All heavy atoms as atom14 arrays in JSON, in Angstrom:
{
  "sequence": "AKGLDEMHAYQPDLLLMEGAGGWRLPLTVGDEYTPTYYLS",
  "atom14_mask": [
    [1, 1, 1, 1, 1, 0, 0, 0, 0, 0, 0, 0, 0, 0],
    [1, 1, 1, 1, 1, 1, 1, 1, 1, 0, 0, 0, 0, 0],
    [1, 1, 1, 1, 0, 0, 0, 0, 0, 0, 0, 0, 0, 0],
    [1, 1, 1, 1, 1, 1, 1, 1, 0, 0, 0, 0, 0, 0],
    [1, 1, 1, 1, 1, 1, 1, 1, 0, 0, 0, 0, 0, 0],
    [1, 1, 1, 1, 1, 1, 1, 1, 1, 0, 0, 0, 0, 0],
    [1, 1, 1, 1, 1, 1, 1, 1, 0, 0, 0, 0, 0, 0],
    [1, 1, 1, 1, 1, 1, 1, 1, 1, 1, 0, 0, 0, 0],
    [1, 1, 1, 1, 1, 0, 0, 0, 0, 0, 0, 0, 0, 0],
    [1, 1, 1, 1, 1, 1, 1, 1, 1, 1, 1, 1, 0, 0],
    [1, 1, 1, 1, 1, 1, 1, 1, 1, 0, 0, 0, 0, 0],
    [1, 1, 1, 1, 1, 1, 1, 0, 0, 0, 0, 0, 0, 0],
    [1, 1, 1, 1, 1, 1, 1, 1, 0, 0, 0, 0, 0, 0],
    [1, 1, 1, 1, 1, 1, 1, 1, 0, 0, 0, 0, 0, 0],
    [1, 1, 1, 1, 1, 1, 1, 1, 0, 0, 0, 0, 0, 0],
    [1, 1, 1, 1, 1, 1, 1, 1, 0, 0, 0, 0, 0, 0],
    [1, 1, 1, 1, 1, 1, 1, 1, 0, 0, 0, 0, 0, 0],
    [1, 1, 1, 1, 1, 1, 1, 1, 1, 0, 0, 0, 0, 0],
    [1, 1, 1, 1, 0, 0, 0, 0, 0, 0, 0, 0, 0, 0],
    [1, 1, 1, 1, 1, 0, 0, 0, 0, 0, 0, 0, 0, 0],
    [1, 1, 1, 1, 0, 0, 0, 0, 0, 0, 0, 0, 0, 0],
    [1, 1, 1, 1, 0, 0, 0, 0, 0, 0, 0, 0, 0, 0],
    [1, 1, 1, 1, 1, 1, 1, 1, 1, 1, 1, 1, 1, 1],
    [1, 1, 1, 1, 1, 1, 1, 1, 1, 1, 1, 0, 0, 0],
    [1, 1, 1, 1, 1, 1, 1, 1, 0, 0, 0, 0, 0, 0],
    [1, 1, 1, 1, 1, 1, 1, 0, 0, 0, 0, 0, 0, 0],
    [1, 1, 1, 1, 1, 1, 1, 1, 0, 0, 0, 0, 0, 0],
    [1, 1, 1, 1, 1, 1, 1, 0, 0, 0, 0, 0, 0, 0],
    [1, 1, 1, 1, 1, 1, 1, 0, 0, 0, 0, 0, 0, 0],
    [1, 1, 1, 1, 0, 0, 0, 0, 0, 0, 0, 0, 0, 0],
    [1, 1, 1, 1, 1, 1, 1, 1, 0, 0, 0, 0, 0, 0],
    [1, 1, 1, 1, 1, 1, 1, 1, 1, 0, 0, 0, 0, 0],
    [1, 1, 1, 1, 1, 1, 1, 1, 1, 1, 1, 1, 0, 0],
    [1, 1, 1, 1, 1, 1, 1, 0, 0, 0, 0, 0, 0, 0],
    [1, 1, 1, 1, 1, 1, 1, 0, 0, 0, 0, 0, 0, 0],
    [1, 1, 1, 1, 1, 1, 1, 0, 0, 0, 0, 0, 0, 0],
    [1, 1, 1, 1, 1, 1, 1, 1, 1, 1, 1, 1, 0, 0],
    [1, 1, 1, 1, 1, 1, 1, 1, 1, 1, 1, 1, 0, 0],
    [1, 1, 1, 1, 1, 1, 1, 1, 0, 0, 0, 0, 0, 0],
    [1, 1, 1, 1, 1, 1, 0, 0, 0, 0, 0, 0, 0, 0]
  ],
  "atom14_positions": [
    [[-25.89, 13.78, -3.3], [-25.66, 15.21, -3.08], [-26.97, 15.99, -3.03], [-27.12, 16.94, -2.26], [-24.76, 15.76, -4.19], [0.0, 0.0, 0.0], [0.0, 0.0, 0.0], [0.0, 0.0, 0.0], [0.0, 0.0, 0.0], [0.0, 0.0, 0.0], [0.0, 0.0, 0.0], [0.0, 0.0, 0.0], [0.0, 0.0, 0.0], [0.0, 0.0, 0.0]],
    [[-27.95, 15.57, -3.84], [-29.27, 16.22, -3.81], [-29.91, 16.08, -2.44], [-30.45, 17.04, -1.88], [-30.17, 15.6, -4.88], [-31.6, 16.12, -4.88], [-32.46, 15.35, -5.86], [-33.93, 15.74, -5.75], [-34.8, 14.89, -6.61], [0.0, 0.0, 0.0], [0.0, 0.0, 0.0], [0.0, 0.0, 0.0], [0.0, 0.0, 0.0], [0.0, 0.0, 0.0]],
    [[-29.83, 14.87, -1.88], [-30.39, 14.65, -0.54], [-29.68, 15.47, 0.52], [-30.3, 15.98, 1.46], [0.0, 0.0, 0.0], [0.0, 0.0, 0.0], [0.0, 0.0, 0.0], [0.0, 0.0, 0.0], [0.0, 0.0, 0.0], [0.0, 0.0, 0.0], [0.0, 0.0, 0.0], [0.0, 0.0, 0.0], [0.0, 0.0, 0.0], [0.0, 0.0, 0.0]],
    [[-28.37, 15.61, 0.37], [-27.6, 16.41, 1.32], [-27.99, 17.88, 1.23], [-28.1, 18.57, 2.25], [-26.1, 16.23, 1.05], [-25.14, 16.9, 2.04], [-25.31, 16.3, 3.44], [-23.69, 16.74, 1.57], [0.0, 0.0, 0.0], [0.0, 0.0, 0.0], [0.0, 0.0, 0.0], [0.0, 0.0, 0.0], [0.0, 0.0, 0.0], [0.0, 0.0, 0.0]],
    [[-28.21, 18.36, 0.02], [-28.65, 19.75, -0.16], [-29.99, 20.0, 0.53], [-30.22, 21.07, 1.09], [-28.76, 20.09, -1.65], [-27.4, 20.31, -2.31], [-26.42, 20.54, -1.57], [-27.32, 20.24, -3.54], [0.0, 0.0, 0.0], [0.0, 0.0, 0.0], [0.0, 0.0, 0.0], [0.0, 0.0, 0.0], [0.0, 0.0, 0.0], [0.0, 0.0, 0.0]],
    [[-30.88, 19.01, 0.46], [-32.18, 19.15, 1.13], [-31.99, 19.27, 2.64], [-32.71, 20.02, 3.32], [-33.08, 17.96, 0.8], [-33.57, 17.96, -0.65], [-34.54, 16.84, -0.94], [-34.82, 16.04, -0.01], [-35.03, 16.75, -2.08], [0.0, 0.0, 0.0], [0.0, 0.0, 0.0], [0.0, 0.0, 0.0], [0.0, 0.0, 0.0], [0.0, 0.0, 0.0]],
    [[-31.01, 18.54, 3.17], [-30.72, 18.65, 4.59], [-30.15, 20.02, 4.93], [-30.45, 20.6, 5.97], [-29.73, 17.56, 5.01], [-30.32, 16.17, 5.0], [-31.65, 16.03, 6.21], [-32.04, 14.3, 6.08], [0.0, 0.0, 0.0], [0.0, 0.0, 0.0], [0.0, 0.0, 0.0], [0.0, 0.0, 0.0], [0.0, 0.0, 0.0], [0.0, 0.0, 0.0]],
    [[-29.32, 20.54, 4.05], [-28.73, 21.87, 4.28], [-29.81, 22.94, 4.38], [-29.63, 23.96, 5.06], [-27.77, 22.22, 3.14], [-26.49, 21.47, 3.18], [-25.6, 21.46, 2.12], [-25.93, 20.7, 4.13], [-24.55, 20.71, 2.43], [-24.73, 20.25, 3.65], [0.0, 0.0, 0.0], [0.0, 0.0, 0.0], [0.0, 0.0, 0.0], [0.0, 0.0, 0.0]],
    [[-30.95, 22.72, 3.69], [-32.02, 23.72, 3.7], [-32.57, 23.95, 5.11], [-33.09, 25.02, 5.41], [-33.15, 23.28, 2.77], [0.0, 0.0, 0.0], [0.0, 0.0, 0.0], [0.0, 0.0, 0.0], [0.0, 0.0, 0.0], [0.0, 0.0, 0.0], [0.0, 0.0, 0.0], [0.0, 0.0, 0.0], [0.0, 0.0, 0.0], [0.0, 0.0, 0.0]],
    [[-32.41, 22.95, 6.0], [-32.88, 23.11, 7.38], [-31.89, 23.89, 8.23], [-32.19, 24.26, 9.37], [-33.12, 21.74, 8.01], [-34.28, 20.99, 7.4], [-34.07, 19.86, 6.61], [-35.59, 21.4, 7.6], [-35.13, 19.17, 6.05], [-36.66, 20.73, 7.04], [-36.42, 19.6, 6.26], [-37.47, 18.93, 5.7], [0.0, 0.0, 0.0], [0.0, 0.0, 0.0]],
    [[-30.69, 24.13, 7.71], [-29.65, 24.91, 8.38], [-29.4, 24.48, 9.82], [-29.51, 25.29, 10.76], [-30.0, 26.41, 8.32], [-30.13, 26.93, 6.89], [-30.3, 28.42, 6.82], [-29.57, 29.16, 7.48], [-31.25, 28.88, 6.04], [0.0, 0.0, 0.0], [0.0, 0.0, 0.0], [0.0, 0.0, 0.0], [0.0, 0.0, 0.0], [0.0, 0.0, 0.0]],
    [[-29.04, 23.22, 10.02], [-28.73, 22.77, 11.38], [-27.36, 23.27, 11.83], [-26.54, 23.67, 11.01], [-28.73, 21.24, 11.25], [-28.24, 21.03, 9.84], [-28.86, 22.14, 9.03], [0.0, 0.0, 0.0], [0.0, 0.0, 0.0], [0.0, 0.0, 0.0], [0.0, 0.0, 0.0], [0.0, 0.0, 0.0], [0.0, 0.0, 0.0], [0.0, 0.0, 0.0]],
    [[-27.11, 23.22, 13.13], [-25.78, 23.52, 13.63], [-24.82, 22.37, 13.31], [-23.64, 22.59, 13.05], [-25.82, 23.73, 15.15], [-26.65, 24.94, 15.54], [-26.43, 26.01, 14.95], [-27.52, 24.8, 16.41], [0.0, 0.0, 0.0], [0.0, 0.0, 0.0], [0.0, 0.0, 0.0], [0.0, 0.0, 0.0], [0.0, 0.0, 0.0], [0.0, 0.0, 0.0]],
    [[-25.36, 21.13, 13.36], [-24.55, 19.93, 13.14], [-25.3, 18.97, 12.24], [-26.47, 18.66, 12.48], [-24.24, 19.26, 14.48], [-23.43, 17.95, 14.43], [-22.01, 18.22, 13.94], [-23.4, 17.28, 15.79], [0.0, 0.0, 0.0], [0.0, 0.0, 0.0], [0.0, 0.0, 0.0], [0.0, 0.0, 0.0], [0.0, 0.0, 0.0], [0.0, 0.0, 0.0]],
    [[-24.62, 18.5, 11.19], [-25.2, 17.51, 10.28], [-24.24, 16.32, 10.19], [-23.06, 16.49, 9.88], [-25.41, 18.13, 8.89], [-26.3, 17.37, 7.91], [-26.8, 18.29, 6.81], [-25.59, 16.18, 7.27], [0.0, 0.0, 0.0], [0.0, 0.0, 0.0], [0.0, 0.0, 0.0], [0.0, 0.0, 0.0], [0.0, 0.0, 0.0], [0.0, 0.0, 0.0]],
    [[-24.76, 15.14, 10.49], [-23.96, 13.92, 10.42], [-24.49, 13.03, 9.31], [-25.65, 12.63, 9.32], [-24.02, 13.17, 11.76], [-23.52, 13.93, 12.99], [-23.66, 13.07, 14.24], [-22.07, 14.38, 12.81], [0.0, 0.0, 0.0], [0.0, 0.0, 0.0], [0.0, 0.0, 0.0], [0.0, 0.0, 0.0], [0.0, 0.0, 0.0], [0.0, 0.0, 0.0]],
    [[-23.64, 12.74, 8.35], [-24.01, 11.85, 7.24], [-23.37, 10.49, 7.49], [-22.16, 10.36, 7.52], [-23.52, 12.45, 5.92], [-23.67, 11.55, 4.71], [-23.24, 12.46, 3.2], [-22.75, 11.12, 2.1], [0.0, 0.0, 0.0], [0.0, 0.0, 0.0], [0.0, 0.0, 0.0], [0.0, 0.0, 0.0], [0.0, 0.0, 0.0], [0.0, 0.0, 0.0]],
    [[-24.21, 9.49, 7.68], [-23.71, 8.16, 8.01], [-23.56, 7.3, 6.76], [-24.46, 7.25, 5.92], [-24.64, 7.45, 9.0], [-24.09, 6.12, 9.46], [-25.13, 5.25, 10.14], [-26.01, 5.81, 10.83], [-25.06, 4.02, 9.98], [0.0, 0.0, 0.0], [0.0, 0.0, 0.0], [0.0, 0.0, 0.0], [0.0, 0.0, 0.0], [0.0, 0.0, 0.0]],
    [[-22.44, 6.62, 6.66], [-22.21, 5.73, 5.54], [-22.89, 4.39, 5.73], [-23.69, 4.17, 6.63], [0.0, 0.0, 0.0], [0.0, 0.0, 0.0], [0.0, 0.0, 0.0], [0.0, 0.0, 0.0], [0.0, 0.0, 0.0], [0.0, 0.0, 0.0], [0.0, 0.0, 0.0], [0.0, 0.0, 0.0], [0.0, 0.0, 0.0], [0.0, 0.0, 0.0]],
    [[-22.56, 3.46, 4.83], [-23.04, 2.08, 4.92], [-21.81, 1.18, 4.82], [-20.93, 1.44, 4.0], [-24.04, 1.78, 3.8], [0.0, 0.0, 0.0], [0.0, 0.0, 0.0], [0.0, 0.0, 0.0], [0.0, 0.0, 0.0], [0.0, 0.0, 0.0], [0.0, 0.0, 0.0], [0.0, 0.0, 0.0], [0.0, 0.0, 0.0], [0.0, 0.0, 0.0]],
    [[-21.76, 0.16, 5.67], [-20.57, -0.68, 5.64], [-19.34, 0.07, 6.08], [-19.4, 0.94, 6.95], [0.0, 0.0, 0.0], [0.0, 0.0, 0.0], [0.0, 0.0, 0.0], [0.0, 0.0, 0.0], [0.0, 0.0, 0.0], [0.0, 0.0, 0.0], [0.0, 0.0, 0.0], [0.0, 0.0, 0.0], [0.0, 0.0, 0.0], [0.0, 0.0, 0.0]],
    [[-18.21, -0.25, 5.44], [-16.95, 0.41, 5.77], [-16.62, 1.52, 4.79], [-17.47, 1.97, 4.0], [0.0, 0.0, 0.0], [0.0, 0.0, 0.0], [0.0, 0.0, 0.0], [0.0, 0.0, 0.0], [0.0, 0.0, 0.0], [0.0, 0.0, 0.0], [0.0, 0.0, 0.0], [0.0, 0.0, 0.0], [0.0, 0.0, 0.0], [0.0, 0.0, 0.0]],
    [[-15.37, 1.98, 4.81], [-14.96, 3.12, 4.01], [-15.06, 2.86, 2.51], [-15.58, 3.66, 1.76], [-13.53, 3.52, 4.37], [-13.0, 4.7, 3.62], [-11.97, 4.73, 2.73], [-13.47, 6.06, 3.7], [-11.77, 6.0, 2.25], [-12.68, 6.84, 2.83], [-14.49, 6.67, 4.43], [-12.87, 8.21, 2.67], [-14.69, 8.04, 4.27], [-13.89, 8.78, 3.39]],
    [[-14.62, 1.7, 2.05], [-14.63, 1.39, 0.62], [-15.91, 0.63, 0.24], [-15.87, -0.51, -0.2], [-13.4, 0.57, 0.24], [-12.11, 1.38, 0.23], [-11.99, 2.24, -1.01], [-10.68, 2.88, -1.06], [-10.47, 4.18, -0.86], [-11.49, 4.97, -0.59], [-9.26, 4.68, -0.92], [0.0, 0.0, 0.0], [0.0, 0.0, 0.0], [0.0, 0.0, 0.0]],
    [[-17.04, 1.28, 0.41], [-18.3, 0.67, 0.02], [-18.54, 0.93, -1.46], [-18.68, 2.07, -1.88], [-19.46, 1.26, 0.83], [-20.81, 0.65, 0.45], [-21.09, -0.59, 1.29], [-21.93, 1.67, 0.58], [0.0, 0.0, 0.0], [0.0, 0.0, 0.0], [0.0, 0.0, 0.0], [0.0, 0.0, 0.0], [0.0, 0.0, 0.0], [0.0, 0.0, 0.0]],
    [[-18.59, -0.12, -2.3], [-18.81, 0.12, -3.73], [-20.24, 0.54, -4.03], [-21.19, -0.02, -3.48], [-18.48, -1.24, -4.37], [-18.69, -2.24, -3.29], [-18.36, -1.54, -2.0], [0.0, 0.0, 0.0], [0.0, 0.0, 0.0], [0.0, 0.0, 0.0], [0.0, 0.0, 0.0], [0.0, 0.0, 0.0], [0.0, 0.0, 0.0], [0.0, 0.0, 0.0]],
    [[-20.38, 1.53, -4.88], [-21.7, 1.92, -5.38], [-21.95, 1.28, -6.74], [-23.08, 0.91, -7.07], [-21.8, 3.45, -5.5], [-21.59, 4.24, -4.2], [-21.78, 5.73, -4.45], [-22.53, 3.76, -3.11], [0.0, 0.0, 0.0], [0.0, 0.0, 0.0], [0.0, 0.0, 0.0], [0.0, 0.0, 0.0], [0.0, 0.0, 0.0], [0.0, 0.0, 0.0]],
    [[-20.89, 1.18, -7.53], [-20.92, 0.44, -8.79], [-19.61, -0.32, -8.91], [-18.57, 0.15, -8.45], [-21.07, 1.38, -10.01], [-19.94, 2.28, -10.05], [-22.34, 2.21, -9.93], [0.0, 0.0, 0.0], [0.0, 0.0, 0.0], [0.0, 0.0, 0.0], [0.0, 0.0, 0.0], [0.0, 0.0, 0.0], [0.0, 0.0, 0.0], [0.0, 0.0, 0.0]],
    [[-19.67, -1.5, -9.5], [-18.46, -2.29, -9.72], [-18.19, -2.33, -11.22], [-19.02, -2.82, -11.99], [-18.61, -3.71, -9.15], [-17.39, -4.55, -9.49], [-18.8, -3.65, -7.63], [0.0, 0.0, 0.0], [0.0, 0.0, 0.0], [0.0, 0.0, 0.0], [0.0, 0.0, 0.0], [0.0, 0.0, 0.0], [0.0, 0.0, 0.0], [0.0, 0.0, 0.0]],
    [[-17.05, -1.77, -11.63], [-16.75, -1.65, -13.04], [-15.9, -2.79, -13.58], [-15.82, -3.87, -12.99], [0.0, 0.0, 0.0], [0.0, 0.0, 0.0], [0.0, 0.0, 0.0], [0.0, 0.0, 0.0], [0.0, 0.0, 0.0], [0.0, 0.0, 0.0], [0.0, 0.0, 0.0], [0.0, 0.0, 0.0], [0.0, 0.0, 0.0], [0.0, 0.0, 0.0]],
    [[-15.27, -2.53, -14.71], [-14.4, -3.51, -15.36], [-13.12, -2.79, -15.78], [-12.81, -1.73, -15.25], [-15.1, -4.16, -16.56], [-15.71, -3.11, -17.5], [-15.13, -2.0, -17.61], [-16.75, -3.39, -18.11], [0.0, 0.0, 0.0], [0.0, 0.0, 0.0], [0.0, 0.0, 0.0], [0.0, 0.0, 0.0], [0.0, 0.0, 0.0], [0.0, 0.0, 0.0]],
    [[-12.4, -3.36, -16.75], [-11.15, -2.71, -17.13], [-11.36, -1.38, -17.83], [-10.44, -0.57, -17.97], [-10.32, -3.64, -18.03], [-10.95, -3.92, -19.4], [-11.53, -5.3, -19.51], [-12.46, -5.63, -18.75], [-11.05, -6.05, -20.38], [0.0, 0.0, 0.0], [0.0, 0.0, 0.0], [0.0, 0.0, 0.0], [0.0, 0.0, 0.0], [0.0, 0.0, 0.0]],
    [[-12.6, -1.14, -18.29], [-12.89, 0.11, -18.99], [-13.59, 1.14, -18.1], [-13.51, 2.34, -18.34], [-13.77, -0.18, -20.22], [-13.18, -1.2, -21.16], [-13.71, -2.48, -21.24], [-12.08, -0.89, -21.97], [-13.17, -3.43, -22.1], [-11.53, -1.83, -22.82], [-12.08, -3.1, -22.88], [-11.53, -4.04, -23.71], [0.0, 0.0, 0.0], [0.0, 0.0, 0.0]],
    [[-14.29, 0.66, -17.1], [-15.05, 1.54, -16.21], [-14.63, 1.29, -14.77], [-14.84, 0.19, -14.25], [-16.56, 1.28, -16.33], [-16.95, 1.36, -17.7], [-17.36, 2.31, -15.52], [0.0, 0.0, 0.0], [0.0, 0.0, 0.0], [0.0, 0.0, 0.0], [0.0, 0.0, 0.0], [0.0, 0.0, 0.0], [0.0, 0.0, 0.0], [0.0, 0.0, 0.0]],
    [[-14.02, 2.27, -14.13], [-13.55, 2.04, -12.75], [-14.71, 1.87, -11.77], [-15.8, 2.38, -11.97], [-12.75, 3.31, -12.43], [-13.32, 4.36, -13.34], [-13.72, 3.63, -14.59], [0.0, 0.0, 0.0], [0.0, 0.0, 0.0], [0.0, 0.0, 0.0], [0.0, 0.0, 0.0], [0.0, 0.0, 0.0], [0.0, 0.0, 0.0], [0.0, 0.0, 0.0]],
    [[-14.45, 1.13, -10.71], [-15.42, 0.99, -9.64], [-15.58, 2.34, -8.92], [-14.62, 3.07, -8.74], [-14.95, -0.08, -8.64], [-14.91, -1.35, -9.3], [-15.87, -0.18, -7.44], [0.0, 0.0, 0.0], [0.0, 0.0, 0.0], [0.0, 0.0, 0.0], [0.0, 0.0, 0.0], [0.0, 0.0, 0.0], [0.0, 0.0, 0.0], [0.0, 0.0, 0.0]],
    [[-16.83, 2.65, -8.55], [-17.13, 3.91, -7.88], [-17.56, 3.61, -6.45], [-18.44, 2.78, -6.22], [-18.24, 4.65, -8.63], [-18.48, 6.07, -8.16], [-17.45, 7.02, -8.21], [-19.72, 6.47, -7.68], [-17.66, 8.32, -7.8], [-19.94, 7.78, -7.28], [-18.9, 8.7, -7.33], [-19.1, 9.99, -6.91], [0.0, 0.0, 0.0], [0.0, 0.0, 0.0]],
    [[-16.91, 4.27, -5.49], [-17.14, 3.99, -4.07], [-17.87, 5.14, -3.38], [-17.8, 6.29, -3.83], [-15.8, 3.77, -3.36], [-14.99, 2.61, -3.89], [-13.99, 2.82, -4.84], [-15.2, 1.32, -3.43], [-13.23, 1.76, -5.33], [-14.45, 0.25, -3.91], [-13.47, 0.48, -4.86], [-12.73, -0.57, -5.33], [0.0, 0.0, 0.0], [0.0, 0.0, 0.0]],
    [[-18.51, 4.83, -2.25], [-19.11, 5.89, -1.44], [-18.04, 6.85, -0.94], [-18.28, 8.05, -0.8], [-19.88, 5.28, -0.26], [-20.64, 6.26, 0.64], [-21.6, 7.13, -0.16], [-21.39, 5.51, 1.74], [0.0, 0.0, 0.0], [0.0, 0.0, 0.0], [0.0, 0.0, 0.0], [0.0, 0.0, 0.0], [0.0, 0.0, 0.0], [0.0, 0.0, 0.0]],
    [[-16.84, 6.33, -0.73], [-15.74, 7.21, -0.31], [-15.41, 8.24, -1.39], [-14.94, 9.35, -1.07], [-14.5, 6.38, 0.02], [-14.13, 5.55, -1.06], [0.0, 0.0, 0.0], [0.0, 0.0, 0.0], [0.0, 0.0, 0.0], [0.0, 0.0, 0.0], [0.0, 0.0, 0.0], [0.0, 0.0, 0.0], [0.0, 0.0, 0.0], [0.0, 0.0, 0.0]]
  ]
}
């Protein structure tokens, strides 16, 4: 989100944020106590 805010500072007409892999890209993989966190 910090990086996105820096992009907003340029005030473009169009901003495209590209993901990595597919929709359910894990950022962290948890266990029964900590859920997995996805880029989605």
